[in-house]
Amino acid sequence: MQSLASIDNWPVPTAAAAVVRADGSVVGRHGPGDHVFALASVTKPLAAYAVLLAFEEGAVELDEPAGPEGATVRHLLAHTSGLAFDEHRATSAPGTRRLYSNAGFEVLGEHVAKVTGIPFAEYLHQGVLEPLGMRATRLEGERSPAKDAVSTVDDLMRFAAELQAPRLLDPRTVAEAMSVVHPGLSGVLPGYGHQKPNDWGLGFEIRDGKSPHWTGADSSPRTFGHFGQSGTFLWVDPDAGAACVALTDRAFGPWAVEAWPPFTDAVLAELRG
């Protein structure tokens, strides 16, 4: 895909991008597929998938208590537990505000480790990464399941294909994860300001009608995914029938706000054409 070559113009030391269909077929790839990048918050979709696996295995229930008083696993996945961004303290009642929270995903990791008896990083590896053949992806030791995984474009293409045609999870579980939890809640989308509503599913941000946004103007409202402060993103656009992964080694900032939306629109235009 010619649109992917535009990453060569991004002001970053290293970048790689790819587009993949649900059947795993690679529509296009540009840049080093095996270069290991820090994912930052693109770690969260991987962690969420492991939590959903724990749900399907019967280790957890989505509505069981977890985190601050009154909160559940579902609240933590949807950033509605009331936990602060990077502190393990509640700042609002569960289900009342969309407070994006790294702490919430750290509590999720602790909760799954406690009920399964398996360290969360190992649970993620055994349940998600290894079955998908994501050999370069890792979350080591006690690192945060909110932001500390590393991966490659080649590995994340496998995960992006899984999100479109689930093999590890029941498709109904994945469909629920991509549906809005607590519709209508407003909140701050990091890097893009206050959004009303600020829609999220279970660990995945939902595009809906947000503006400004890191995806494209032509992205469908059903687009879901995540971006990271290390200059990384993964989106799946069900209407386009494809997913896109882009990884860099420069921190998110004005360069990404400027570069990412037209890049996505060019990818979508090439898919259509």
C-alpha atoms as a PDB file:
ATOM      1  CA  MET A   1       0.000   0.000   0.000  1.00  0.00           C
ATOM      2  CA  GLN A   2       1.443   3.333  -1.069  1.00  0.00           C
ATOM      3  CA  SER A   3      -0.296   5.131   1.797  1.00  0.00           C
ATOM      4  CA  LEU A   4       1.883   3.313   4.323  1.00  0.00           C
ATOM      5  CA  ALA A   5       5.051   4.801   2.850  1.00  0.00           C
ATOM      6  CA  SER A   6       4.061   8.193   4.248  1.00  0.00           C
ATOM      7  CA  ILE A   7       5.439   7.090   7.628  1.00  0.00           C
ATOM      8  CA  ASP A   8       8.864   7.817   6.131  1.00  0.00           C
ATOM      9  CA  ASN A   9       7.945  11.497   6.449  1.00  0.00           C
ATOM     10  CA  TRP A  10       7.042  11.276  10.127  1.00  0.00           C
ATOM     11  CA  PRO A  11       9.571  13.051  12.375  1.00  0.00           C
ATOM     12  CA  VAL A  12      10.535   9.877  14.222  1.00  0.00           C
ATOM     13  CA  PRO A  13      13.732   7.795  14.384  1.00  0.00           C
ATOM     14  CA  THR A  14      11.992   4.527  13.474  1.00  0.00           C
ATOM     15  CA  ALA A  15       8.463   3.693  12.328  1.00  0.00           C
ATOM     16  CA  ALA A  16       6.670   0.634  11.035  1.00  0.00           C
ATOM     17  CA  ALA A  17       3.081   0.158   9.902  1.00  0.00           C
ATOM     18  CA  ALA A  18       0.864  -2.543   8.469  1.00  0.00           C
ATOM     19  CA  VAL A  19      -2.717  -3.215   7.407  1.00  0.00           C
ATOM     20  CA  VAL A  20      -4.293  -6.634   7.916  1.00  0.00           C
ATOM     21  CA  ARG A  21      -7.629  -8.264   7.108  1.00  0.00           C
ATOM     22  CA  ALA A  22      -9.675 -10.508   9.374  1.00  0.00           C
ATOM     23  CA  ASP A  23      -8.301 -13.645   7.718  1.00  0.00           C
ATOM     24  CA  GLY A  24      -4.778 -12.564   8.607  1.00  0.00           C
ATOM     25  CA  SER A  25      -3.887 -11.549   5.057  1.00  0.00           C
ATOM     26  CA  VAL A  26      -1.493  -8.621   5.012  1.00  0.00           C
ATOM     27  CA  VAL A  27      -2.758  -5.861   2.738  1.00  0.00           C
ATOM     28  CA  GLY A  28       0.406  -3.835   3.165  1.00  0.00           C
ATOM     29  CA  ARG A  29       3.461  -3.421   5.360  1.00  0.00           C
ATOM     30  CA  HIS A  30       6.133  -0.721   5.558  1.00  0.00           C
ATOM     31  CA  GLY A  31       9.116  -0.411   7.834  1.00  0.00           C
ATOM     32  CA  PRO A  32      10.850  -3.057   9.934  1.00  0.00           C
ATOM     33  CA  GLY A  33       8.338  -5.723  10.918  1.00  0.00           C
ATOM     34  CA  ASP A  34      10.571  -7.217  13.596  1.00  0.00           C
ATOM     35  CA  HIS A  35      11.726  -4.017  15.345  1.00  0.00           C
ATOM     36  CA  VAL A  36      10.705  -4.104  19.016  1.00  0.00           C
ATOM     37  CA  PHE A  37       8.845  -0.982  20.159  1.00  0.00           C
ATOM     38  CA  ALA A  38       7.525   0.094  23.545  1.00  0.00           C
ATOM     39  CA  LEU A  39       3.720  -0.009  23.247  1.00  0.00           C
ATOM     40  CA  ALA A  40       2.760   2.324  26.120  1.00  0.00           C
ATOM     41  CA  SER A  41      -1.056   2.216  26.367  1.00  0.00           C
ATOM     42  CA  VAL A  42      -1.446  -0.092  23.379  1.00  0.00           C
ATOM     43  CA  THR A  43      -0.624  -2.580  26.141  1.00  0.00           C
ATOM     44  CA  LYS A  44      -4.185  -2.129  27.431  1.00  0.00           C
ATOM     45  CA  PRO A  45      -6.013  -3.984  24.610  1.00  0.00           C
ATOM     46  CA  LEU A  46      -3.693  -6.959  25.144  1.00  0.00           C
ATOM     47  CA  ALA A  47      -4.329  -6.875  28.880  1.00  0.00           C
ATOM     48  CA  ALA A  48      -8.072  -6.517  28.339  1.00  0.00           C
ATOM     49  CA  TYR A  49      -8.078  -9.575  26.088  1.00  0.00           C
ATOM     50  CA  ALA A  50      -6.419 -11.585  28.856  1.00  0.00           C
ATOM     51  CA  VAL A  51      -9.044 -10.400  31.344  1.00  0.00           C
ATOM     52  CA  LEU A  52     -11.811 -11.411  28.922  1.00  0.00           C
ATOM     53  CA  LEU A  53     -10.145 -14.816  28.579  1.00  0.00           C
ATOM     54  CA  ALA A  54     -10.230 -15.137  32.369  1.00  0.00           C
ATOM     55  CA  PHE A  55     -13.945 -14.334  32.169  1.00  0.00           C
ATOM     56  CA  GLU A  56     -14.580 -17.045  29.581  1.00  0.00           C
ATOM     57  CA  GLU A  57     -12.570 -19.544  31.606  1.00  0.00           C
ATOM     58  CA  GLY A  58     -14.773 -18.816  34.626  1.00  0.00           C
ATOM     59  CA  ALA A  59     -11.997 -17.320  36.734  1.00  0.00           C
ATOM     60  CA  VAL A  60     -13.692 -13.915  36.959  1.00  0.00           C
ATOM     61  CA  GLU A  61     -17.108 -12.414  36.341  1.00  0.00           C
ATOM     62  CA  LEU A  62     -17.409  -9.026  34.694  1.00  0.00           C
ATOM     63  CA  ASP A  63     -19.698  -7.779  37.437  1.00  0.00           C
ATOM     64  CA  GLU A  64     -17.802  -9.118  40.423  1.00  0.00           C
ATOM     65  CA  PRO A  65     -16.283  -6.608  42.858  1.00  0.00           C
ATOM     66  CA  ALA A  66     -12.806  -5.362  41.989  1.00  0.00           C
ATOM     67  CA  GLY A  67     -10.996  -2.138  42.796  1.00  0.00           C
ATOM     68  CA  PRO A  68     -12.549   0.640  44.893  1.00  0.00           C
ATOM     69  CA  GLU A  69     -15.774   0.115  46.824  1.00  0.00           C
ATOM     70  CA  GLY A  70     -18.716  -0.427  44.490  1.00  0.00           C
ATOM     71  CA  ALA A  71     -16.544  -1.022  41.419  1.00  0.00           C
ATOM     72  CA  THR A  72     -16.397  -4.181  39.300  1.00  0.00           C
ATOM     73  CA  VAL A  73     -14.185  -5.769  36.677  1.00  0.00           C
ATOM     74  CA  ARG A  74     -16.458  -4.185  34.053  1.00  0.00           C
ATOM     75  CA  HIS A  75     -15.952  -0.723  35.580  1.00  0.00           C
ATOM     76  CA  LEU A  76     -12.174  -1.161  35.553  1.00  0.00           C
ATOM     77  CA  LEU A  77     -12.107  -2.273  31.910  1.00  0.00           C
ATOM     78  CA  ALA A  78     -14.309   0.649  30.857  1.00  0.00           C
ATOM     79  CA  HIS A  79     -12.449   3.347  32.819  1.00  0.00           C
ATOM     80  CA  THR A  80     -15.498   4.009  34.988  1.00  0.00           C
ATOM     81  CA  SER A  81     -14.236   2.646  38.332  1.00  0.00           C
ATOM     82  CA  GLY A  82     -13.550   6.134  39.675  1.00  0.00           C
ATOM     83  CA  LEU A  83      -9.828   5.465  40.117  1.00  0.00           C
ATOM     84  CA  ALA A  84      -7.468   8.321  39.335  1.00  0.00           C
ATOM     85  CA  PHE A  85      -5.207   8.308  36.282  1.00  0.00           C
ATOM     86  CA  ASP A  86      -2.002   7.064  37.890  1.00  0.00           C
ATOM     87  CA  GLU A  87      -2.932   6.741  41.561  1.00  0.00           C
ATOM     88  CA  HIS A  88      -4.693   3.943  43.383  1.00  0.00           C
ATOM     89  CA  ARG A  89      -7.271   6.252  44.927  1.00  0.00           C
ATOM     90  CA  ALA A  90     -10.918   6.813  44.036  1.00  0.00           C
ATOM     91  CA  THR A  91     -11.926  10.293  42.898  1.00  0.00           C
ATOM     92  CA  SER A  92     -15.560   9.595  41.977  1.00  0.00           C
ATOM     93  CA  ALA A  93     -18.261   6.969  42.420  1.00  0.00           C
ATOM     94  CA  PRO A  94     -18.129   3.990  40.034  1.00  0.00           C
ATOM     95  CA  GLY A  95     -20.146   4.384  36.834  1.00  0.00           C
ATOM     96  CA  THR A  96     -20.513   8.160  37.058  1.00  0.00           C
ATOM     97  CA  ARG A  97     -17.523   9.459  35.080  1.00  0.00           C
ATOM     98  CA  ARG A  98     -15.143   8.243  32.377  1.00  0.00           C
ATOM     99  CA  LEU A  99     -11.791   8.644  34.120  1.00  0.00           C
ATOM    100  CA  TYR A 100      -9.030   7.139  32.003  1.00  0.00           C
ATOM    101  CA  SER A 101      -6.959   5.171  34.486  1.00  0.00           C
ATOM    102  CA  ASN A 102      -3.670   3.313  34.309  1.00  0.00           C
ATOM    103  CA  ALA A 103      -4.252   2.431  37.944  1.00  0.00           C
ATOM    104  CA  GLY A 104      -7.463   0.647  36.973  1.00  0.00           C
ATOM    105  CA  PHE A 105      -5.601  -1.736  34.670  1.00  0.00           C
ATOM    106  CA  GLU A 106      -2.992  -2.359  37.323  1.00  0.00           C
ATOM    107  CA  VAL A 107      -5.794  -3.325  39.719  1.00  0.00           C
ATOM    108  CA  LEU A 108      -7.189  -5.623  37.005  1.00  0.00           C
ATOM    109  CA  GLY A 109      -3.828  -7.348  36.682  1.00  0.00           C
ATOM    110  CA  GLU A 110      -3.624  -7.835  40.440  1.00  0.00           C
ATOM    111  CA  HIS A 111      -7.192  -9.154  40.555  1.00  0.00           C
ATOM    112  CA  VAL A 112      -6.673 -11.722  37.795  1.00  0.00           C
ATOM    113  CA  ALA A 113      -3.399 -12.857  39.359  1.00  0.00           C
ATOM    114  CA  LYS A 114      -5.099 -13.330  42.720  1.00  0.00           C
ATOM    115  CA  VAL A 115      -8.060 -15.361  41.458  1.00  0.00           C
ATOM    116  CA  THR A 116      -6.057 -17.517  39.026  1.00  0.00           C
ATOM    117  CA  GLY A 117      -2.906 -17.945  41.097  1.00  0.00           C
ATOM    118  CA  ILE A 118      -0.871 -17.017  38.006  1.00  0.00           C
ATOM    119  CA  PRO A 119       1.128 -13.769  37.678  1.00  0.00           C
ATOM    120  CA  PHE A 120      -0.711 -11.574  35.189  1.00  0.00           C
ATOM    121  CA  ALA A 121       2.231 -11.313  32.786  1.00  0.00           C
ATOM    122  CA  GLU A 122       2.387 -15.116  32.628  1.00  0.00           C
ATOM    123  CA  TYR A 123      -1.393 -15.400  32.223  1.00  0.00           C
ATOM    124  CA  LEU A 124      -1.226 -12.955  29.302  1.00  0.00           C
ATOM    125  CA  HIS A 125       1.656 -14.890  27.756  1.00  0.00           C
ATOM    126  CA  GLN A 126       0.072 -18.330  28.110  1.00  0.00           C
ATOM    127  CA  GLY A 127      -3.463 -17.313  27.197  1.00  0.00           C
ATOM    128  CA  VAL A 128      -3.021 -14.725  24.462  1.00  0.00           C
ATOM    129  CA  LEU A 129       0.505 -14.131  23.210  1.00  0.00           C
ATOM    130  CA  GLU A 130       1.681 -17.719  22.836  1.00  0.00           C
ATOM    131  CA  PRO A 131      -1.457 -19.056  21.087  1.00  0.00           C
ATOM    132  CA  LEU A 132      -1.345 -16.157  18.608  1.00  0.00           C
ATOM    133  CA  GLY A 133       2.347 -16.688  17.868  1.00  0.00           C
ATOM    134  CA  MET A 134       3.303 -13.264  19.243  1.00  0.00           C
ATOM    135  CA  ARG A 135       6.840 -14.349  20.113  1.00  0.00           C
ATOM    136  CA  ALA A 136       8.390 -10.881  20.335  1.00  0.00           C
ATOM    137  CA  THR A 137       5.685  -9.457  22.590  1.00  0.00           C
ATOM    138  CA  ARG A 138       6.240  -9.452  26.316  1.00  0.00           C
ATOM    139  CA  LEU A 139       5.166  -7.887  29.570  1.00  0.00           C
ATOM    140  CA  GLU A 140       7.936  -8.729  31.948  1.00  0.00           C
ATOM    141  CA  GLY A 141       7.696  -9.467  35.646  1.00  0.00           C
ATOM    142  CA  GLU A 142       5.886  -6.863  37.702  1.00  0.00           C
ATOM    143  CA  ARG A 143       5.635  -4.287  34.911  1.00  0.00           C
ATOM    144  CA  SER A 144       2.334  -2.443  34.478  1.00  0.00           C
ATOM    145  CA  PRO A 145      -0.400  -4.130  32.400  1.00  0.00           C
ATOM    146  CA  ALA A 146      -1.531  -0.598  31.558  1.00  0.00           C
ATOM    147  CA  LYS A 147       1.548   0.544  29.677  1.00  0.00           C
ATOM    148  CA  ASP A 148       4.699  -1.578  29.814  1.00  0.00           C
ATOM    149  CA  ALA A 149       4.477  -4.218  27.067  1.00  0.00           C
ATOM    150  CA  VAL A 150       6.770  -4.261  24.050  1.00  0.00           C
ATOM    151  CA  SER A 151       5.972  -5.701  20.631  1.00  0.00           C
ATOM    152  CA  THR A 152       6.522  -5.572  16.876  1.00  0.00           C
ATOM    153  CA  VAL A 153       4.314  -4.722  13.941  1.00  0.00           C
ATOM    154  CA  ASP A 154       4.405  -8.351  12.802  1.00  0.00           C
ATOM    155  CA  ASP A 155       3.132  -9.514  16.202  1.00  0.00           C
ATOM    156  CA  LEU A 156       0.414  -6.887  16.503  1.00  0.00           C
ATOM    157  CA  MET A 157      -0.877  -7.809  13.050  1.00  0.00           C
ATOM    158  CA  ARG A 158      -1.690 -11.219  14.504  1.00  0.00           C
ATOM    159  CA  PHE A 159      -3.586  -9.601  17.356  1.00  0.00           C
ATOM    160  CA  ALA A 160      -5.380  -7.255  14.951  1.00  0.00           C
ATOM    161  CA  ALA A 161      -6.534 -10.247  12.899  1.00  0.00           C
ATOM    162  CA  GLU A 162      -7.746 -11.948  16.099  1.00  0.00           C
ATOM    163  CA  LEU A 163      -9.828  -8.894  17.006  1.00  0.00           C
ATOM    164  CA  GLN A 164     -11.585  -9.106  13.635  1.00  0.00           C
ATOM    165  CA  ALA A 165     -12.112 -12.890  13.596  1.00  0.00           C
ATOM    166  CA  PRO A 166     -11.729 -14.207  17.163  1.00  0.00           C
ATOM    167  CA  ARG A 167     -10.302 -17.661  17.731  1.00  0.00           C
ATOM    168  CA  LEU A 168      -9.262 -17.366  21.373  1.00  0.00           C
ATOM    169  CA  LEU A 169     -12.546 -15.848  22.567  1.00  0.00           C
ATOM    170  CA  ASP A 170     -16.189 -16.324  21.710  1.00  0.00           C
ATOM    171  CA  PRO A 171     -17.117 -13.702  19.078  1.00  0.00           C
ATOM    172  CA  ARG A 172     -19.988 -12.645  21.345  1.00  0.00           C
ATOM    173  CA  THR A 173     -17.526 -11.723  24.079  1.00  0.00           C
ATOM    174  CA  VAL A 174     -15.483  -9.658  21.634  1.00  0.00           C
ATOM    175  CA  ALA A 175     -18.628  -7.965  20.336  1.00  0.00           C
ATOM    176  CA  GLU A 176     -19.517  -7.003  23.906  1.00  0.00           C
ATOM    177  CA  ALA A 177     -16.016  -5.628  24.427  1.00  0.00           C
ATOM    178  CA  MET A 178     -16.471  -3.368  21.407  1.00  0.00           C
ATOM    179  CA  SER A 179     -19.866  -2.089  22.600  1.00  0.00           C
ATOM    180  CA  VAL A 180     -20.215   1.088  24.655  1.00  0.00           C
ATOM    181  CA  VAL A 181     -20.198   0.566  28.410  1.00  0.00           C
ATOM    182  CA  HIS A 182     -22.136   3.224  30.350  1.00  0.00           C
ATOM    183  CA  PRO A 183     -23.243   5.238  27.297  1.00  0.00           C
ATOM    184  CA  GLY A 184     -23.269   9.002  27.529  1.00  0.00           C
ATOM    185  CA  LEU A 185     -20.443   9.451  30.024  1.00  0.00           C
ATOM    186  CA  SER A 186     -18.098  12.307  29.200  1.00  0.00           C
ATOM    187  CA  GLY A 187     -14.416  12.513  30.035  1.00  0.00           C
ATOM    188  CA  VAL A 188     -10.960  13.482  28.863  1.00  0.00           C
ATOM    189  CA  LEU A 189      -9.337  11.529  26.052  1.00  0.00           C
ATOM    190  CA  PRO A 190      -5.605  11.912  26.834  1.00  0.00           C
ATOM    191  CA  GLY A 191      -3.978  14.189  24.282  1.00  0.00           C
ATOM    192  CA  TYR A 192      -7.299  15.232  22.733  1.00  0.00           C
ATOM    193  CA  GLY A 193      -9.163  16.964  25.533  1.00  0.00           C
ATOM    194  CA  HIS A 194     -12.701  16.665  26.837  1.00  0.00           C
ATOM    195  CA  GLN A 195     -15.054  14.455  24.825  1.00  0.00           C
ATOM    196  CA  LYS A 196     -18.813  14.312  25.265  1.00  0.00           C
ATOM    197  CA  PRO A 197     -19.519  11.472  25.146  1.00  0.00           C
ATOM    198  CA  ASN A 198     -16.212   9.703  25.667  1.00  0.00           C
ATOM    199  CA  ASP A 199     -17.264   6.210  24.633  1.00  0.00           C
ATOM    200  CA  TRP A 200     -15.334   3.078  25.589  1.00  0.00           C
ATOM    201  CA  GLY A 201     -15.964  -0.624  25.512  1.00  0.00           C
ATOM    202  CA  LEU A 202     -14.193  -3.212  27.654  1.00  0.00           C
ATOM    203  CA  GLY A 203     -10.592  -2.091  27.298  1.00  0.00           C
ATOM    204  CA  PHE A 204     -11.021  -0.618  23.834  1.00  0.00           C
ATOM    205  CA  GLU A 205     -11.760   2.971  22.890  1.00  0.00           C
ATOM    206  CA  ILE A 206     -14.678   3.394  20.486  1.00  0.00           C
ATOM    207  CA  ARG A 207     -14.393   6.084  17.813  1.00  0.00           C
ATOM    208  CA  ASP A 208     -18.058   7.107  17.684  1.00  0.00           C
ATOM    209  CA  GLY A 209     -18.276  10.830  16.838  1.00  0.00           C
ATOM    210  CA  LYS A 210     -15.303  12.101  18.833  1.00  0.00           C
ATOM    211  CA  SER A 211     -13.555  15.230  17.621  1.00  0.00           C
ATOM    212  CA  PRO A 212     -10.663  15.817  17.632  1.00  0.00           C
ATOM    213  CA  HIS A 213      -9.449  12.252  17.419  1.00  0.00           C
ATOM    214  CA  TRP A 214      -6.363  10.227  16.553  1.00  0.00           C
ATOM    215  CA  THR A 215      -8.105   8.208  13.811  1.00  0.00           C
ATOM    216  CA  GLY A 216      -9.279   9.736  10.536  1.00  0.00           C
ATOM    217  CA  ALA A 217     -12.195  11.904   9.520  1.00  0.00           C
ATOM    218  CA  ASP A 218     -13.309   8.994   7.331  1.00  0.00           C
ATOM    219  CA  SER A 219     -13.024   6.370  10.072  1.00  0.00           C
ATOM    220  CA  SER A 220     -16.375   4.742  10.779  1.00  0.00           C
ATOM    221  CA  PRO A 221     -18.019   5.406  14.154  1.00  0.00           C
ATOM    222  CA  ARG A 222     -17.626   1.687  14.870  1.00  0.00           C
ATOM    223  CA  THR A 223     -13.822   1.931  14.731  1.00  0.00           C
ATOM    224  CA  PHE A 224     -12.189   0.745  17.929  1.00  0.00           C
ATOM    225  CA  GLY A 225      -8.654   0.449  19.227  1.00  0.00           C
ATOM    226  CA  HIS A 226      -6.085   2.323  21.270  1.00  0.00           C
ATOM    227  CA  PHE A 227      -3.127   4.642  20.972  1.00  0.00           C
ATOM    228  CA  GLY A 228      -0.090   4.959  23.203  1.00  0.00           C
ATOM    229  CA  GLN A 229       2.071   7.782  24.497  1.00  0.00           C
ATOM    230  CA  SER A 230       5.124   6.114  22.942  1.00  0.00           C
ATOM    231  CA  GLY A 231       3.791   7.105  19.502  1.00  0.00           C
ATOM    232  CA  THR A 232       1.886   3.898  18.765  1.00  0.00           C
ATOM    233  CA  PHE A 233      -1.619   2.934  17.692  1.00  0.00           C
ATOM    234  CA  LEU A 234      -3.849   0.073  16.626  1.00  0.00           C
ATOM    235  CA  TRP A 235      -7.290   0.581  15.112  1.00  0.00           C
ATOM    236  CA  VAL A 236      -9.861  -1.796  13.674  1.00  0.00           C
ATOM    237  CA  ASP A 237     -12.482  -0.371  11.318  1.00  0.00           C
ATOM    238  CA  PRO A 238     -15.223  -2.991  10.854  1.00  0.00           C
ATOM    239  CA  ASP A 239     -16.775  -1.050   7.985  1.00  0.00           C
ATOM    240  CA  ALA A 240     -13.465  -1.052   6.110  1.00  0.00           C
ATOM    241  CA  GLY A 241     -12.913  -4.726   6.938  1.00  0.00           C
ATOM    242  CA  ALA A 242      -9.351  -4.085   8.041  1.00  0.00           C
ATOM    243  CA  ALA A 243      -7.087  -3.069  10.893  1.00  0.00           C
ATOM    244  CA  CYS A 244      -4.016  -0.866  10.975  1.00  0.00           C
ATOM    245  CA  VAL A 245      -1.003  -0.928  13.289  1.00  0.00           C
ATOM    246  CA  ALA A 246       1.586   1.856  13.451  1.00  0.00           C
ATOM    247  CA  LEU A 247       4.513   1.857  15.879  1.00  0.00           C
ATOM    248  CA  THR A 248       7.202   4.487  16.417  1.00  0.00           C
ATOM    249  CA  ASP A 249       9.894   5.277  18.937  1.00  0.00           C
ATOM    250  CA  ARG A 250       9.030   8.933  19.464  1.00  0.00           C
ATOM    251  CA  ALA A 251       6.693  10.043  22.238  1.00  0.00           C
ATOM    252  CA  PHE A 252       3.182  11.119  21.247  1.00  0.00           C
ATOM    253  CA  GLY A 253       2.874  14.859  20.713  1.00  0.00           C
ATOM    254  CA  PRO A 254       1.814  17.525  18.204  1.00  0.00           C
ATOM    255  CA  TRP A 255       3.578  15.634  15.426  1.00  0.00           C
ATOM    256  CA  ALA A 256       1.235  12.657  15.923  1.00  0.00           C
ATOM    257  CA  VAL A 257      -1.874  14.827  16.235  1.00  0.00           C
ATOM    258  CA  GLU A 258      -0.970  16.279  12.838  1.00  0.00           C
ATOM    259  CA  ALA A 259       0.232  13.125  11.094  1.00  0.00           C
ATOM    260  CA  TRP A 260      -2.068  10.312  12.191  1.00  0.00           C
ATOM    261  CA  PRO A 261      -5.548  11.378  10.941  1.00  0.00           C
ATOM    262  CA  PRO A 262      -4.501  12.058   7.312  1.00  0.00           C
ATOM    263  CA  PHE A 263      -2.477   8.849   7.365  1.00  0.00           C
ATOM    264  CA  THR A 264      -5.562   6.883   8.414  1.00  0.00           C
ATOM    265  CA  ASP A 265      -7.732   8.611   5.826  1.00  0.00           C
ATOM    266  CA  ALA A 266      -5.198   7.745   3.115  1.00  0.00           C
ATOM    267  CA  VAL A 267      -5.163   4.097   4.242  1.00  0.00           C
ATOM    268  CA  LEU A 268      -8.974   3.949   4.169  1.00  0.00           C
ATOM    269  CA  ALA A 269      -9.094   5.578   0.740  1.00  0.00           C
ATOM    270  CA  GLU A 270      -6.647   3.037  -0.630  1.00  0.00           C
ATOM    271  CA  LEU A 271      -8.654   0.184   0.889  1.00  0.00           C
ATOM    272  CA  ARG A 272     -11.784   1.494  -0.797  1.00  0.00           C
ATOM    273  CA  GLY A 273     -10.066   2.097  -4.109  1.00  0.00           C
END
